[in-house]
Structures are given as C-alpha cells and as structure tokens.
Amino acid sequence: QEQLVESGGGLVQPGGSLTLSCAASELTLWAYAINWFRQAPGKEREGISCIDYGDGGSTYSDSVKGRFTISRDNAKNMVYLQMNSLKPEDTAIYYCAAKSRCDSDYVGAWGQGTQVTVSS
C-alpha cells in the first residue's frame, strides 16, 4: 500500500500553471525530506525538487528552477509543487518520495504518481 498519494495532475496548455499535492497516509511529513521526481516515457526518472525535513531549505533541478516552487503545509500534513510557465517537455508522471534528508540517495516511500500533460 502506498504511504504517499499524489494528486493535481491533468492537461494544461503551454505557459499554464498547475499545482500538485503530496499527501501522507501514515507518515508525518515534517520529519522527512520530500523529493519530487518525474518520468517521461523512454526517459530516466528525474529528481526535480526537494524540501528538507522540518524547516529545511529547498532545491531545484536546472530544468525547473525559476518555474516550480516546492512548499509544505505542516498543519495539513501536505507538500505541494507549484508549477508555472509549463512547457511540453514537462509532460511526465510526477511522483513524491520521502527521504531522510535531501542529500540522501535512499528513498523510503513512494506515491503512485500523477500524470501531467502539457499540450495545446
């Protein structure tokens, strides 16, 4: 059973915006670093953003820097990914994952993914 659940994906036009949510079924998310990944058909899974545990900082890949913003709402036990200025190249399945810290390579829990399609 999934410990994390992503939602908010869908079809959006180029230049549009979309917000993804990551919800926990059993985990208290403030205690974990949360890493957003994406995977397009035929391509490797790409780490695009991470927010560290507690009140830690955030990081972004070069491909999304300046367009995407990761955030937490601890009261709701949620993590969000605000995506702006979307491009067709952003089309992928997006996943959230829990890690001990952003600079760790080990992923302890995954969500099922949510599809984002950017097309006119």
Protein backbone atom coordinates (compact mmCIF):
# COMPACT_ATOMS: atom_id res chain seq x y z
CA GLN A 1 0.00 0.00 0.00
CA GLU A 2 1.22 3.48 -0.85
CA GLN A 3 2.32 5.69 2.06
CA LEU A 4 2.21 8.81 -0.14
CA VAL A 5 -0.51 9.88 -2.60
CA GLU A 6 -0.05 12.47 -5.35
CA SER A 7 -2.89 14.45 -6.89
CA GLY A 8 -3.49 17.53 -9.04
CA GLY A 9 -2.22 16.36 -12.40
CA GLY A 10 -4.06 16.91 -15.65
CA LEU A 11 -3.96 18.55 -19.07
CA VAL A 12 -2.70 22.12 -19.29
CA GLN A 13 -1.72 24.41 -22.18
CA PRO A 14 1.88 25.57 -22.65
CA GLY A 15 2.55 28.56 -20.42
CA GLY A 16 -0.11 27.47 -17.96
CA SER A 17 0.13 26.53 -14.30
CA LEU A 18 -0.70 23.51 -12.19
CA THR A 19 -0.29 22.64 -8.50
CA LEU A 20 0.49 19.10 -7.40
CA SER A 21 -0.16 17.80 -3.89
CA CYS A 22 1.55 15.05 -1.91
CA ALA A 23 -0.45 13.60 0.98
CA ALA A 24 0.68 11.04 3.56
CA SER A 25 -1.44 8.12 4.68
CA GLU A 26 0.73 7.16 7.67
CA LEU A 27 3.82 9.38 7.72
CA THR A 28 4.25 12.72 9.47
CA LEU A 29 5.80 14.63 6.61
CA TRP A 30 7.61 17.33 8.63
CA ALA A 31 10.02 14.60 9.80
CA TYR A 32 11.06 13.75 6.25
CA ALA A 33 12.67 15.34 3.26
CA ILE A 34 10.17 15.22 0.38
CA ASN A 35 11.55 14.85 -3.12
CA TRP A 36 9.51 15.38 -6.29
CA PHE A 37 10.52 13.20 -9.25
CA ARG A 38 9.15 12.87 -12.75
CA GLN A 39 9.45 10.29 -15.50
CA ALA A 40 8.56 10.64 -19.17
CA PRO A 41 8.19 7.61 -21.48
CA GLY A 42 11.58 6.27 -22.54
CA LYS A 43 13.49 8.54 -20.18
CA GLU A 44 15.14 8.10 -16.80
CA ARG A 45 13.41 9.23 -13.64
CA GLU A 46 14.49 12.80 -12.89
CA GLY A 47 14.67 14.42 -9.47
CA ILE A 48 13.30 17.94 -9.90
CA SER A 49 12.81 19.40 -6.41
CA CYS A 50 13.33 18.56 -2.74
CA ILE A 51 12.35 20.22 0.53
CA ASP A 52 14.34 19.15 3.57
CA TYR A 53 12.89 17.84 6.83
CA GLY A 54 11.48 20.17 9.47
CA ASP A 55 12.04 23.76 8.40
CA GLY A 56 14.84 22.92 5.97
CA GLY A 57 15.59 24.54 2.66
CA SER A 58 14.63 23.51 -0.84
CA THR A 59 16.48 22.65 -4.04
CA TYR A 60 15.54 22.53 -7.73
CA SER A 61 16.94 20.94 -10.85
CA ASP A 62 18.13 23.24 -13.62
CA SER A 63 15.22 22.11 -15.80
CA VAL A 64 12.59 23.57 -13.44
CA LYS A 65 14.46 26.26 -11.49
CA GLY A 66 12.63 29.57 -11.58
CA ARG A 67 9.36 27.96 -12.72
CA PHE A 68 8.48 25.45 -9.97
CA THR A 69 8.13 26.04 -6.22
CA ILE A 70 8.02 23.36 -3.51
CA SER A 71 6.33 24.06 -0.16
CA ARG A 72 4.94 22.43 2.99
CA ASP A 73 1.73 22.83 4.96
CA ASN A 74 2.50 21.01 8.20
CA ALA A 75 -0.98 21.61 9.63
CA LYS A 76 -2.44 19.64 6.71
CA ASN A 77 0.50 17.19 6.53
CA MET A 78 0.90 18.07 2.84
CA VAL A 79 3.67 19.00 0.42
CA TYR A 80 2.95 20.96 -2.77
CA LEU A 81 4.65 21.59 -6.08
CA GLN A 82 3.51 24.79 -7.79
CA MET A 83 4.36 24.58 -11.49
CA ASN A 84 4.31 27.73 -13.62
CA SER A 85 5.24 28.50 -17.23
CA LEU A 86 4.73 24.88 -18.16
CA LYS A 87 6.35 23.51 -21.30
CA PRO A 88 5.58 20.40 -23.39
CA GLU A 89 8.88 18.98 -22.10
CA ASP A 90 7.34 18.95 -18.60
CA THR A 91 4.93 16.20 -19.68
CA ALA A 92 5.56 13.22 -17.40
CA ILE A 93 4.27 11.23 -14.47
CA TYR A 94 5.13 13.11 -11.28
CA TYR A 95 5.94 11.29 -8.03
CA CYS A 96 6.66 12.40 -4.49
CA ALA A 97 9.01 10.42 -2.26
CA ALA A 98 10.08 10.53 1.38
CA LYS A 99 13.77 10.56 2.30
CA SER A 100 15.76 11.10 5.50
CA ARG A 101 17.31 14.26 4.00
CA CYS A 102 17.55 15.82 0.57
CA ASP A 103 21.21 14.84 0.07
CA SER A 104 20.43 11.15 0.76
CA ASP A 105 20.17 8.71 -2.15
CA TYR A 106 17.80 6.37 -0.30
CA VAL A 107 14.04 6.72 -0.85
CA GLY A 108 11.90 5.24 1.92
CA ALA A 109 8.42 5.69 0.45
CA TRP A 110 6.87 6.49 -2.94
CA GLY A 111 3.50 7.65 -4.17
CA GLN A 112 1.63 6.18 -7.14
CA GLY A 113 2.23 9.17 -9.40
CA THR A 114 0.02 11.72 -11.15
CA GLN A 115 0.07 12.44 -14.89
CA VAL A 116 0.88 15.94 -16.13
CA THR A 117 0.35 16.62 -19.83
CA VAL A 118 1.33 19.98 -21.35
CA SER A 119 -0.14 20.37 -24.83
CA SER A 120 -2.09 22.82 -26.97
